């Protein structure tokens, strides 16, 4: 919702009055405003989904794949050993 011309005029008058009364406060508020805008822009850039998985994700997936491979190998060895031990 946009400000009316009268509201904008009143806000500009208040802003000028505050700048005249305390220029240090006005400088601090302007600096704070710039930092907030910069953080918001950085946040928007970070919100984009990453196409590549992070390093920790790759390490975890590799670890789980290795564990699954070892379990499957041990299971195959045990089943072969039991099959070889059965009398025919």
N, C-alpha and C. Protein backbone atom coordinates (compact mmCIF):
# COMPACT_ATOMS: atom_id res chain seq x y z
N UNK A 1 0.85 -1.17 0.00
CA UNK A 1 0.00 0.00 0.00
C UNK A 1 0.90 1.24 0.00
N UNK A 2 0.66 2.13 -0.91
CA UNK A 2 1.48 3.33 -1.06
C UNK A 2 1.03 4.42 -0.10
N UNK A 3 2.00 5.30 0.24
CA UNK A 3 1.69 6.45 1.08
C UNK A 3 0.99 7.51 0.23
N UNK A 4 0.11 8.25 0.85
CA UNK A 4 -0.50 9.38 0.14
C UNK A 4 0.52 10.51 0.09
N UNK A 5 0.28 11.50 -0.76
CA UNK A 5 1.21 12.62 -0.87
C UNK A 5 1.31 13.38 0.44
N UNK A 6 0.21 13.50 1.13
CA UNK A 6 0.21 14.21 2.42
C UNK A 6 1.05 13.44 3.44
N UNK A 7 0.90 12.12 3.47
CA UNK A 7 1.68 11.31 4.41
C UNK A 7 3.17 11.38 4.09
N UNK A 8 3.50 11.33 2.81
CA UNK A 8 4.91 11.44 2.43
C UNK A 8 5.49 12.79 2.83
N UNK A 9 4.73 13.84 2.64
CA UNK A 9 5.18 15.18 3.01
C UNK A 9 5.42 15.28 4.51
N UNK A 10 4.51 14.70 5.30
CA UNK A 10 4.66 14.72 6.76
C UNK A 10 5.89 13.92 7.18
N UNK A 11 6.07 12.76 6.58
CA UNK A 11 7.24 11.94 6.91
C UNK A 11 8.55 12.64 6.56
N UNK A 12 8.59 13.32 5.41
CA UNK A 12 9.80 14.06 5.03
C UNK A 12 10.08 15.20 6.01
N UNK A 13 9.02 15.87 6.46
CA UNK A 13 9.20 16.95 7.44
C UNK A 13 9.75 16.39 8.75
N UNK A 14 9.21 15.26 9.20
CA UNK A 14 9.70 14.62 10.43
C UNK A 14 11.16 14.21 10.25
N UNK A 15 11.48 13.64 9.11
CA UNK A 15 12.84 13.21 8.85
C UNK A 15 13.81 14.40 8.88
N UNK A 16 13.45 15.48 8.21
CA UNK A 16 14.32 16.67 8.21
C UNK A 16 14.50 17.22 9.62
N UNK A 17 13.42 17.23 10.39
CA UNK A 17 13.50 17.73 11.76
C UNK A 17 14.45 16.86 12.60
N UNK A 18 14.34 15.54 12.47
CA UNK A 18 15.22 14.65 13.23
C UNK A 18 16.68 14.80 12.80
N UNK A 19 16.92 14.98 11.51
CA UNK A 19 18.30 15.17 11.03
C UNK A 19 18.87 16.46 11.58
N UNK A 20 18.06 17.52 11.61
CA UNK A 20 18.54 18.80 12.16
C UNK A 20 18.79 18.72 13.66
N UNK A 21 17.95 17.98 14.38
CA UNK A 21 18.06 17.88 15.83
C UNK A 21 19.26 17.03 16.27
N UNK A 22 19.46 15.91 15.61
CA UNK A 22 20.53 14.98 16.02
C UNK A 22 21.17 14.34 14.79
N UNK A 23 22.16 14.99 14.19
CA UNK A 23 22.78 14.44 12.98
C UNK A 23 23.50 13.11 13.23
N UNK A 24 24.03 12.91 14.44
CA UNK A 24 24.70 11.64 14.74
C UNK A 24 23.71 10.49 14.72
N UNK A 25 22.54 10.71 15.30
CA UNK A 25 21.50 9.67 15.28
C UNK A 25 21.08 9.38 13.84
N UNK A 26 20.93 10.42 13.03
CA UNK A 26 20.55 10.22 11.63
C UNK A 26 21.61 9.40 10.90
N UNK A 27 22.89 9.68 11.16
CA UNK A 27 23.98 8.93 10.52
C UNK A 27 23.95 7.47 10.97
N UNK A 28 23.70 7.22 12.24
CA UNK A 28 23.63 5.85 12.75
C UNK A 28 22.46 5.09 12.11
N UNK A 29 21.32 5.75 12.03
CA UNK A 29 20.15 5.10 11.43
C UNK A 29 20.38 4.79 9.96
N UNK A 30 21.03 5.71 9.25
CA UNK A 30 21.33 5.48 7.84
C UNK A 30 22.29 4.30 7.69
N UNK A 31 23.30 4.24 8.56
CA UNK A 31 24.25 3.12 8.52
C UNK A 31 23.54 1.80 8.82
N UNK A 32 22.66 1.81 9.82
CA UNK A 32 21.90 0.61 10.16
C UNK A 32 21.03 0.18 8.99
N UNK A 33 20.38 1.14 8.36
CA UNK A 33 19.52 0.83 7.21
C UNK A 33 20.32 0.18 6.09
N UNK A 34 21.51 0.70 5.81
CA UNK A 34 22.35 0.10 4.76
C UNK A 34 22.74 -1.33 5.11
N UNK A 35 23.08 -1.57 6.38
CA UNK A 35 23.46 -2.93 6.80
C UNK A 35 22.29 -3.90 6.69
N UNK A 36 21.11 -3.45 7.06
CA UNK A 36 19.92 -4.31 6.97
C UNK A 36 19.65 -4.65 5.52
N UNK A 37 19.71 -3.66 4.65
CA UNK A 37 19.48 -3.93 3.22
C UNK A 37 20.51 -4.89 2.66
N UNK A 38 21.77 -4.74 3.05
CA UNK A 38 22.82 -5.64 2.58
C UNK A 38 22.56 -7.07 3.05
N UNK A 39 22.16 -7.22 4.31
CA UNK A 39 21.86 -8.56 4.81
C UNK A 39 20.68 -9.18 4.09
N UNK A 40 19.67 -8.37 3.82
CA UNK A 40 18.51 -8.89 3.09
C UNK A 40 18.90 -9.35 1.70
N UNK A 41 19.74 -8.58 1.03
CA UNK A 41 20.21 -8.98 -0.30
C UNK A 41 21.04 -10.25 -0.23
N UNK A 42 21.92 -10.35 0.78
CA UNK A 42 22.72 -11.57 0.95
C UNK A 42 21.82 -12.76 1.24
N UNK A 43 20.78 -12.54 2.04
CA UNK A 43 19.85 -13.62 2.36
C UNK A 43 19.12 -14.11 1.13
N UNK A 44 18.75 -13.18 0.24
CA UNK A 44 18.07 -13.59 -0.99
C UNK A 44 19.00 -14.40 -1.87
N UNK A 45 20.27 -14.03 -1.90
CA UNK A 45 21.21 -14.80 -2.71
C UNK A 45 21.41 -16.20 -2.15
N UNK A 46 21.39 -16.33 -0.83
CA UNK A 46 21.60 -17.64 -0.20
C UNK A 46 20.39 -18.53 -0.31
N UNK A 47 19.21 -17.95 -0.49
CA UNK A 47 17.98 -18.75 -0.54
C UNK A 47 17.87 -19.58 -1.80
N UNK A 48 18.65 -19.25 -2.81
CA UNK A 48 18.61 -20.04 -4.04
C UNK A 48 19.10 -21.45 -3.75
N UNK A 49 18.39 -22.44 -4.25
CA UNK A 49 18.81 -23.82 -3.97
C UNK A 49 20.15 -24.13 -4.63
N UNK A 50 20.96 -24.83 -3.89
CA UNK A 50 22.27 -25.22 -4.39
C UNK A 50 22.13 -26.47 -5.24
N UNK A 51 22.81 -26.49 -6.36
CA UNK A 51 22.72 -27.66 -7.24
C UNK A 51 23.65 -28.78 -6.79
N UNK A 52 24.70 -28.41 -6.09
CA UNK A 52 25.66 -29.41 -5.63
C UNK A 52 25.47 -29.67 -4.14
N UNK A 53 25.58 -30.93 -3.73
CA UNK A 53 25.48 -31.21 -2.29
C UNK A 53 26.70 -30.67 -1.55
N UNK A 54 26.53 -30.38 -0.29
CA UNK A 54 27.63 -29.89 0.52
C UNK A 54 28.64 -30.99 0.81
N UNK A 55 29.79 -30.58 1.30
CA UNK A 55 30.87 -31.52 1.58
C UNK A 55 30.45 -32.56 2.62
N UNK A 56 29.79 -32.13 3.68
CA UNK A 56 29.38 -33.06 4.72
C UNK A 56 28.37 -34.08 4.18
N UNK A 57 27.50 -33.66 3.27
CA UNK A 57 26.54 -34.59 2.67
C UNK A 57 27.25 -35.66 1.86
N UNK A 58 28.26 -35.27 1.12
CA UNK A 58 29.02 -36.23 0.32
C UNK A 58 29.74 -37.22 1.22
N UNK A 59 30.34 -36.73 2.31
CA UNK A 59 31.04 -37.62 3.24
C UNK A 59 30.07 -38.61 3.87
N UNK A 60 28.90 -38.13 4.29
CA UNK A 60 27.91 -39.02 4.91
C UNK A 60 27.41 -40.07 3.92
N UNK A 61 27.09 -39.65 2.71
CA UNK A 61 26.59 -40.60 1.72
C UNK A 61 27.65 -41.64 1.36
N UNK A 62 28.89 -41.21 1.25
CA UNK A 62 29.98 -42.16 0.96
C UNK A 62 30.14 -43.15 2.10
N UNK A 63 30.04 -42.66 3.33
CA UNK A 63 30.16 -43.55 4.49
C UNK A 63 29.04 -44.58 4.51
N UNK A 64 27.81 -44.14 4.26
CA UNK A 64 26.68 -45.08 4.25
C UNK A 64 26.82 -46.09 3.11
N UNK A 65 27.30 -45.66 1.98
CA UNK A 65 27.50 -46.58 0.86
C UNK A 65 28.56 -47.62 1.20
N UNK A 66 29.64 -47.19 1.83
CA UNK A 66 30.70 -48.12 2.24
C UNK A 66 30.17 -49.12 3.27
N UNK A 67 29.42 -48.66 4.25
CA UNK A 67 28.87 -49.55 5.27
C UNK A 67 27.91 -50.56 4.63
N UNK A 68 27.05 -50.10 3.73
CA UNK A 68 26.10 -51.00 3.07
C UNK A 68 26.84 -52.05 2.24
N UNK A 69 27.91 -51.64 1.57
CA UNK A 69 28.71 -52.57 0.77
C UNK A 69 29.37 -53.63 1.65
N UNK A 70 29.92 -53.20 2.78
CA UNK A 70 30.56 -54.15 3.70
C UNK A 70 29.54 -55.14 4.27
N UNK A 71 28.38 -54.67 4.65
CA UNK A 71 27.35 -55.57 5.18
C UNK A 71 26.91 -56.58 4.12
N UNK A 72 26.70 -56.11 2.88
CA UNK A 72 26.30 -57.02 1.81
C UNK A 72 27.38 -58.06 1.54
N UNK A 73 28.65 -57.63 1.55
CA UNK A 73 29.75 -58.56 1.32
C UNK A 73 29.81 -59.61 2.42
N UNK A 74 29.70 -59.19 3.67
CA UNK A 74 29.72 -60.15 4.78
C UNK A 74 28.54 -61.11 4.70
N UNK A 75 27.39 -60.62 4.33
CA UNK A 75 26.21 -61.48 4.21
C UNK A 75 26.41 -62.53 3.11
N UNK A 76 26.97 -62.11 1.99
CA UNK A 76 27.25 -63.06 0.90
C UNK A 76 28.25 -64.10 1.33
N UNK A 77 29.32 -63.69 2.05
CA UNK A 77 30.34 -64.64 2.51
C UNK A 77 29.75 -65.65 3.49
N UNK A 78 28.92 -65.18 4.41
CA UNK A 78 28.30 -66.07 5.39
C UNK A 78 27.38 -67.06 4.69
N UNK A 79 26.56 -66.60 3.76
CA UNK A 79 25.64 -67.49 3.07
C UNK A 79 26.39 -68.52 2.22
N UNK A 80 27.48 -68.12 1.58
CA UNK A 80 28.28 -69.06 0.79
C UNK A 80 28.92 -70.10 1.69
N UNK A 81 29.42 -69.66 2.83
CA UNK A 81 30.08 -70.59 3.76
C UNK A 81 29.06 -71.61 4.29
N UNK A 82 27.86 -71.14 4.64
CA UNK A 82 26.83 -72.05 5.11
C UNK A 82 26.39 -73.01 3.99
N UNK A 83 26.30 -72.52 2.78
CA UNK A 83 25.89 -73.36 1.66
C UNK A 83 26.96 -74.42 1.39
N UNK A 84 28.23 -74.05 1.54
CA UNK A 84 29.31 -75.01 1.29
C UNK A 84 29.37 -76.06 2.39
N UNK A 85 28.93 -75.70 3.60
CA UNK A 85 29.00 -76.60 4.73
C UNK A 85 27.84 -77.60 4.75
N UNK A 86 26.80 -77.41 3.95
CA UNK A 86 25.67 -78.32 3.92
C UNK A 86 26.06 -79.63 3.23
N UNK A 87 25.70 -80.77 3.83
CA UNK A 87 26.01 -82.05 3.18
C UNK A 87 25.04 -82.30 2.03
N UNK A 88 25.52 -82.81 0.93
CA UNK A 88 24.66 -83.11 -0.20
C UNK A 88 24.27 -84.54 -0.24
